[in-house]
Amino acid sequence: MSEARKKSFFKGLKGEFKKIVWPDRKTLTKQTVTVIVLSLVIGALIAGIDFLFNAGVSYIY
């Protein structure tokens, strides 16, 4: 990669980073809590379904 292409790449990269809109603390906290709660709920659902299948297979055999 030539020196001019490197400079052009990093100049473009710097320009793209300036376009990023970072969330404020309140939004970040709200989204983090939402992700954690949904992960726990989905994990509990998967565990419940796994338990039911395991109980069903154990009953059959």
PDB file of N, CA and C in Angstrom:
ATOM      1  N   MET A   1       0.857  -1.172   0.000  1.00  0.00           N
ATOM      2  CA  MET A   1       0.000   0.000   0.000  1.00  0.00           C
ATOM      3  C   MET A   1       0.900   1.232   0.000  1.00  0.00           C
ATOM      4  N   SER A   2       0.645   2.154  -0.913  1.00  0.00           N
ATOM      5  CA  SER A   2       1.476   3.339  -1.014  1.00  0.00           C
ATOM      6  C   SER A   2       1.161   4.318   0.120  1.00  0.00           C
ATOM      7  N   GLU A   3       2.084   5.215   0.351  1.00  0.00           N
ATOM      8  CA  GLU A   3       1.941   6.214   1.424  1.00  0.00           C
ATOM      9  C   GLU A   3       0.717   7.100   1.201  1.00  0.00           C
ATOM     10  N   ALA A   4       0.440   7.469  -0.034  1.00  0.00           N
ATOM     11  CA  ALA A   4      -0.713   8.323  -0.333  1.00  0.00           C
ATOM     12  C   ALA A   4      -2.018   7.586  -0.040  1.00  0.00           C
ATOM     13  N   ARG A   5      -2.063   6.293  -0.358  1.00  0.00           N
ATOM     14  CA  ARG A   5      -3.279   5.499  -0.088  1.00  0.00           C
ATOM     15  C   ARG A   5      -3.491   5.336   1.410  1.00  0.00           C
ATOM     16  N   LYS A   6      -2.396   5.176   2.159  1.00  0.00           N
ATOM     17  CA  LYS A   6      -2.513   5.062   3.611  1.00  0.00           C
ATOM     18  C   LYS A   6      -3.078   6.343   4.206  1.00  0.00           C
ATOM     19  N   LYS A   7      -2.556   7.492   3.750  1.00  0.00           N
ATOM     20  CA  LYS A   7      -3.043   8.776   4.264  1.00  0.00           C
ATOM     21  C   LYS A   7      -4.512   8.963   3.919  1.00  0.00           C
ATOM     22  N   SER A   8      -4.883   8.599   2.702  1.00  0.00           N
ATOM     23  CA  SER A   8      -6.272   8.719   2.266  1.00  0.00           C
ATOM     24  C   SER A   8      -7.175   7.820   3.100  1.00  0.00           C
ATOM     25  N   PHE A   9      -6.700   6.594   3.371  1.00  0.00           N
ATOM     26  CA  PHE A   9      -7.479   5.656   4.175  1.00  0.00           C
ATOM     27  C   PHE A   9      -7.714   6.204   5.573  1.00  0.00           C
ATOM     28  N   PHE A  10      -6.648   6.670   6.224  1.00  0.00           N
ATOM     29  CA  PHE A  10      -6.785   7.167   7.589  1.00  0.00           C
ATOM     30  C   PHE A  10      -7.567   8.471   7.654  1.00  0.00           C
ATOM     31  N   LYS A  11      -7.499   9.273   6.614  1.00  0.00           N
ATOM     32  CA  LYS A  11      -8.299  10.495   6.561  1.00  0.00           C
ATOM     33  C   LYS A  11      -9.780  10.134   6.466  1.00  0.00           C
ATOM     34  N   GLY A  12     -10.104   9.149   5.638  1.00  0.00           N
ATOM     35  CA  GLY A  12     -11.482   8.683   5.520  1.00  0.00           C
ATOM     36  C   GLY A  12     -11.964   8.042   6.806  1.00  0.00           C
ATOM     37  N   LEU A  13     -11.086   7.277   7.446  1.00  0.00           N
ATOM     38  CA  LEU A  13     -11.428   6.636   8.719  1.00  0.00           C
ATOM     39  C   LEU A  13     -11.731   7.684   9.787  1.00  0.00           C
ATOM     40  N   LYS A  14     -10.933   8.714   9.851  1.00  0.00           N
ATOM     41  CA  LYS A  14     -11.149   9.804  10.811  1.00  0.00           C
ATOM     42  C   LYS A  14     -12.490  10.491  10.538  1.00  0.00           C
ATOM     43  N   GLY A  15     -12.809  10.693   9.273  1.00  0.00           N
ATOM     44  CA  GLY A  15     -14.082  11.306   8.906  1.00  0.00           C
ATOM     45  C   GLY A  15     -15.265  10.443   9.313  1.00  0.00           C
ATOM     46  N   GLU A  16     -15.130   9.124   9.165  1.00  0.00           N
ATOM     47  CA  GLU A  16     -16.211   8.218   9.564  1.00  0.00           C
ATOM     48  C   GLU A  16     -16.399   8.208  11.080  1.00  0.00           C
ATOM     49  N   PHE A  17     -15.307   8.256  11.820  1.00  0.00           N
ATOM     50  CA  PHE A  17     -15.419   8.283  13.278  1.00  0.00           C
ATOM     51  C   PHE A  17     -16.109   9.550  13.768  1.00  0.00           C
ATOM     52  N   LYS A  18     -15.976  10.638  13.045  1.00  0.00           N
ATOM     53  CA  LYS A  18     -16.650  11.877  13.431  1.00  0.00           C
ATOM     54  C   LYS A  18     -18.170  11.788  13.250  1.00  0.00           C
ATOM     55  N   LYS A  19     -18.630  10.867  12.401  1.00  0.00           N
ATOM     56  CA  LYS A  19     -20.062  10.703  12.150  1.00  0.00           C
ATOM     57  C   LYS A  19     -20.761   9.879  13.231  1.00  0.00           C
ATOM     58  N   ILE A  20     -19.987   9.191  14.059  1.00  0.00           N
ATOM     59  CA  ILE A  20     -20.573   8.327  15.084  1.00  0.00           C
ATOM     60  C   ILE A  20     -21.311   9.167  16.113  1.00  0.00           C
ATOM     61  N   VAL A  21     -22.533   8.752  16.426  1.00  0.00           N
ATOM     62  CA  VAL A  21     -23.312   9.411  17.479  1.00  0.00           C
ATOM     63  C   VAL A  21     -23.338   8.465  18.666  1.00  0.00           C
ATOM     64  N   TRP A  22     -22.642   8.830  19.730  1.00  0.00           N
ATOM     65  CA  TRP A  22     -22.561   7.983  20.911  1.00  0.00           C
ATOM     66  C   TRP A  22     -23.788   8.205  21.779  1.00  0.00           C
ATOM     67  N   PRO A  23     -24.365   7.139  22.341  1.00  0.00           N
ATOM     68  CA  PRO A  23     -25.544   7.302  23.186  1.00  0.00           C
ATOM     69  C   PRO A  23     -25.185   7.962  24.520  1.00  0.00           C
ATOM     70  N   ASP A  24     -26.169   8.665  25.094  1.00  0.00           N
ATOM     71  CA  ASP A  24     -25.924   9.248  26.405  1.00  0.00           C
ATOM     72  C   ASP A  24     -26.033   8.154  27.472  1.00  0.00           C
ATOM     73  N   ARG A  25     -25.676   8.493  28.689  1.00  0.00           N
ATOM     74  CA  ARG A  25     -25.620   7.516  29.774  1.00  0.00           C
ATOM     75  C   ARG A  25     -26.979   6.865  30.035  1.00  0.00           C
ATOM     76  N   LYS A  26     -28.050   7.662  30.000  1.00  0.00           N
ATOM     77  CA  LYS A  26     -29.395   7.149  30.282  1.00  0.00           C
ATOM     78  C   LYS A  26     -29.798   6.116  29.222  1.00  0.00           C
ATOM     79  N   THR A  27     -29.587   6.414  27.956  1.00  0.00           N
ATOM     80  CA  THR A  27     -29.932   5.504  26.868  1.00  0.00           C
ATOM     81  C   THR A  27     -29.098   4.235  26.955  1.00  0.00           C
ATOM     82  N   LEU A  28     -27.816   4.382  27.214  1.00  0.00           N
ATOM     83  CA  LEU A  28     -26.924   3.233  27.309  1.00  0.00           C
ATOM     84  C   LEU A  28     -27.345   2.310  28.451  1.00  0.00           C
ATOM     85  N   THR A  29     -27.682   2.888  29.595  1.00  0.00           N
ATOM     86  CA  THR A  29     -28.128   2.090  30.742  1.00  0.00           C
ATOM     87  C   THR A  29     -29.424   1.365  30.426  1.00  0.00           C
ATOM     88  N   LYS A  30     -30.378   2.065  29.812  1.00  0.00           N
ATOM     89  CA  LYS A  30     -31.670   1.467  29.468  1.00  0.00           C
ATOM     90  C   LYS A  30     -31.489   0.294  28.496  1.00  0.00           C
ATOM     91  N   GLN A  31     -30.670   0.477  27.487  1.00  0.00           N
ATOM     92  CA  GLN A  31     -30.458  -0.578  26.503  1.00  0.00           C
ATOM     93  C   GLN A  31     -29.702  -1.759  27.108  1.00  0.00           C
ATOM     94  N   THR A  32     -28.761  -1.484  28.002  1.00  0.00           N
ATOM     95  CA  THR A  32     -28.010  -2.553  28.653  1.00  0.00           C
ATOM     96  C   THR A  32     -28.930  -3.395  29.529  1.00  0.00           C
ATOM     97  N   VAL A  33     -29.782  -2.744  30.303  1.00  0.00           N
ATOM     98  CA  VAL A  33     -30.723  -3.463  31.162  1.00  0.00           C
ATOM     99  C   VAL A  33     -31.671  -4.292  30.306  1.00  0.00           C
ATOM    100  N   THR A  34     -32.142  -3.746  29.202  1.00  0.00           N
ATOM    101  CA  THR A  34     -33.042  -4.469  28.310  1.00  0.00           C
ATOM    102  C   THR A  34     -32.375  -5.736  27.772  1.00  0.00           C
ATOM    103  N   VAL A  35     -31.129  -5.625  27.352  1.00  0.00           N
ATOM    104  CA  VAL A  35     -30.411  -6.783  26.817  1.00  0.00           C
ATOM    105  C   VAL A  35     -30.225  -7.848  27.895  1.00  0.00           C
ATOM    106  N   ILE A  36     -29.874  -7.438  29.103  1.00  0.00           N
ATOM    107  CA  ILE A  36     -29.667  -8.404  30.188  1.00  0.00           C
ATOM    108  C   ILE A  36     -30.974  -9.101  30.540  1.00  0.00           C
ATOM    109  N   VAL A  37     -32.064  -8.338  30.668  1.00  0.00           N
ATOM    110  CA  VAL A  37     -33.358  -8.928  31.027  1.00  0.00           C
ATOM    111  C   VAL A  37     -33.827  -9.898  29.937  1.00  0.00           C
ATOM    112  N   LEU A  38     -33.748  -9.490  28.689  1.00  0.00           N
ATOM    113  CA  LEU A  38     -34.173 -10.369  27.601  1.00  0.00           C
ATOM    114  C   LEU A  38     -33.304 -11.626  27.525  1.00  0.00           C
ATOM    115  N   SER A  39     -32.017 -11.489  27.787  1.00  0.00           N
ATOM    116  CA  SER A  39     -31.134 -12.663  27.790  1.00  0.00           C
ATOM    117  C   SER A  39     -31.546 -13.637  28.881  1.00  0.00           C
ATOM    118  N   LEU A  40     -31.875 -13.125  30.060  1.00  0.00           N
ATOM    119  CA  LEU A  40     -32.311 -13.986  31.161  1.00  0.00           C
ATOM    120  C   LEU A  40     -33.637 -14.669  30.842  1.00  0.00           C
ATOM    121  N   VAL A  41     -34.584 -13.920  30.256  1.00  0.00           N
ATOM    122  CA  VAL A  41     -35.892 -14.490  29.916  1.00  0.00           C
ATOM    123  C   VAL A  41     -35.740 -15.587  28.862  1.00  0.00           C
ATOM    124  N   ILE A  42     -34.987 -15.307  27.818  1.00  0.00           N
ATOM    125  CA  ILE A  42     -34.802 -16.304  26.755  1.00  0.00           C
ATOM    126  C   ILE A  42     -34.044 -17.518  27.294  1.00  0.00           C
ATOM    127  N   GLY A  43     -33.043 -17.291  28.152  1.00  0.00           N
ATOM    128  CA  GLY A  43     -32.322 -18.396  28.773  1.00  0.00           C
ATOM    129  C   GLY A  43     -33.246 -19.262  29.620  1.00  0.00           C
ATOM    130  N   ALA A  44     -34.159 -18.622  30.367  1.00  0.00           N
ATOM    131  CA  ALA A  44     -35.113 -19.372  31.183  1.00  0.00           C
ATOM    132  C   ALA A  44     -36.068 -20.171  30.300  1.00  0.00           C
ATOM    133  N   LEU A  45     -36.508 -19.593  29.195  1.00  0.00           N
ATOM    134  CA  LEU A  45     -37.388 -20.320  28.271  1.00  0.00           C
ATOM    135  C   LEU A  45     -36.682 -21.540  27.681  1.00  0.00           C
ATOM    136  N   ILE A  46     -35.456 -21.367  27.267  1.00  0.00           N
ATOM    137  CA  ILE A  46     -34.695 -22.480  26.703  1.00  0.00           C
ATOM    138  C   ILE A  46     -34.484 -23.560  27.768  1.00  0.00           C
ATOM    139  N   ALA A  47     -34.174 -23.153  28.999  1.00  0.00           N
ATOM    140  CA  ALA A  47     -33.983 -24.129  30.080  1.00  0.00           C
ATOM    141  C   ALA A  47     -35.286 -24.874  30.357  1.00  0.00           C
ATOM    142  N   GLY A  48     -36.419 -24.164  30.341  1.00  0.00           N
ATOM    143  CA  GLY A  48     -37.714 -24.809  30.563  1.00  0.00           C
ATOM    144  C   GLY A  48     -38.052 -25.815  29.474  1.00  0.00           C
ATOM    145  N   ILE A  49     -37.830 -25.433  28.231  1.00  0.00           N
ATOM    146  CA  ILE A  49     -38.087 -26.349  27.111  1.00  0.00           C
ATOM    147  C   ILE A  49     -37.161 -27.559  27.202  1.00  0.00           C
ATOM    148  N   ASP A  50     -35.893 -27.327  27.547  1.00  0.00           N
ATOM    149  CA  ASP A  50     -34.945 -28.421  27.703  1.00  0.00           C
ATOM    150  C   ASP A  50     -35.400 -29.374  28.816  1.00  0.00           C
ATOM    151  N   PHE A  51     -35.860 -28.824  29.921  1.00  0.00           N
ATOM    152  CA  PHE A  51     -36.352 -29.648  31.029  1.00  0.00           C
ATOM    153  C   PHE A  51     -37.534 -30.506  30.590  1.00  0.00           C
ATOM    154  N   LEU A  52     -38.476 -29.890  29.856  1.00  0.00           N
ATOM    155  CA  LEU A  52     -39.650 -30.633  29.394  1.00  0.00           C
ATOM    156  C   LEU A  52     -39.266 -31.754  28.434  1.00  0.00           C
ATOM    157  N   PHE A  53     -38.385 -31.473  27.496  1.00  0.00           N
ATOM    158  CA  PHE A  53     -37.933 -32.512  26.566  1.00  0.00           C
ATOM    159  C   PHE A  53     -37.205 -33.628  27.306  1.00  0.00           C
ATOM    160  N   ASN A  54     -36.365 -33.250  28.259  1.00  0.00           N
ATOM    161  CA  ASN A  54     -35.634 -34.240  29.026  1.00  0.00           C
ATOM    162  C   ASN A  54     -36.597 -35.113  29.839  1.00  0.00           C
ATOM    163  N   ALA A  55     -37.601 -34.500  30.441  1.00  0.00           N
ATOM    164  CA  ALA A  55     -38.586 -35.256  31.207  1.00  0.00           C
ATOM    165  C   ALA A  55     -39.381 -36.179  30.282  1.00  0.00           C
ATOM    166  N   GLY A  56     -39.723 -35.697  29.114  1.00  0.00           N
ATOM    167  CA  GLY A  56     -40.471 -36.498  28.138  1.00  0.00           C
ATOM    168  C   GLY A  56     -39.673 -37.691  27.665  1.00  0.00           C
ATOM    169  N   VAL A  57     -38.408 -37.477  27.341  1.00  0.00           N
ATOM    170  CA  VAL A  57     -37.558 -38.571  26.883  1.00  0.00           C
ATOM    171  C   VAL A  57     -37.328 -39.573  28.019  1.00  0.00           C
ATOM    172  N   SER A  58     -37.153 -39.082  29.237  1.00  0.00           N
ATOM    173  CA  SER A  58     -36.957 -39.966  30.374  1.00  0.00           C
ATOM    174  C   SER A  58     -38.216 -40.805  30.610  1.00  0.00           C
ATOM    175  N   TYR A  59     -39.365 -40.210  30.417  1.00  0.00           N
ATOM    176  CA  TYR A  59     -40.640 -40.930  30.607  1.00  0.00           C
ATOM    177  C   TYR A  59     -40.795 -42.050  29.564  1.00  0.00           C
ATOM    178  N   ILE A  60     -40.410 -41.744  28.320  1.00  0.00           N
ATOM    179  CA  ILE A  60     -40.523 -42.720  27.238  1.00  0.00           C
ATOM    180  C   ILE A  60     -39.596 -43.898  27.478  1.00  0.00           C
ATOM    181  N   TYR A  61     -38.367 -43.632  27.911  1.00  0.00           N
ATOM    182  CA  TYR A  61     -37.404 -44.708  28.123  1.00  0.00           C
ATOM    183  C   TYR A  61     -37.484 -45.146  29.549  1.00  0.00           C
TER     184      TYR A  61
END
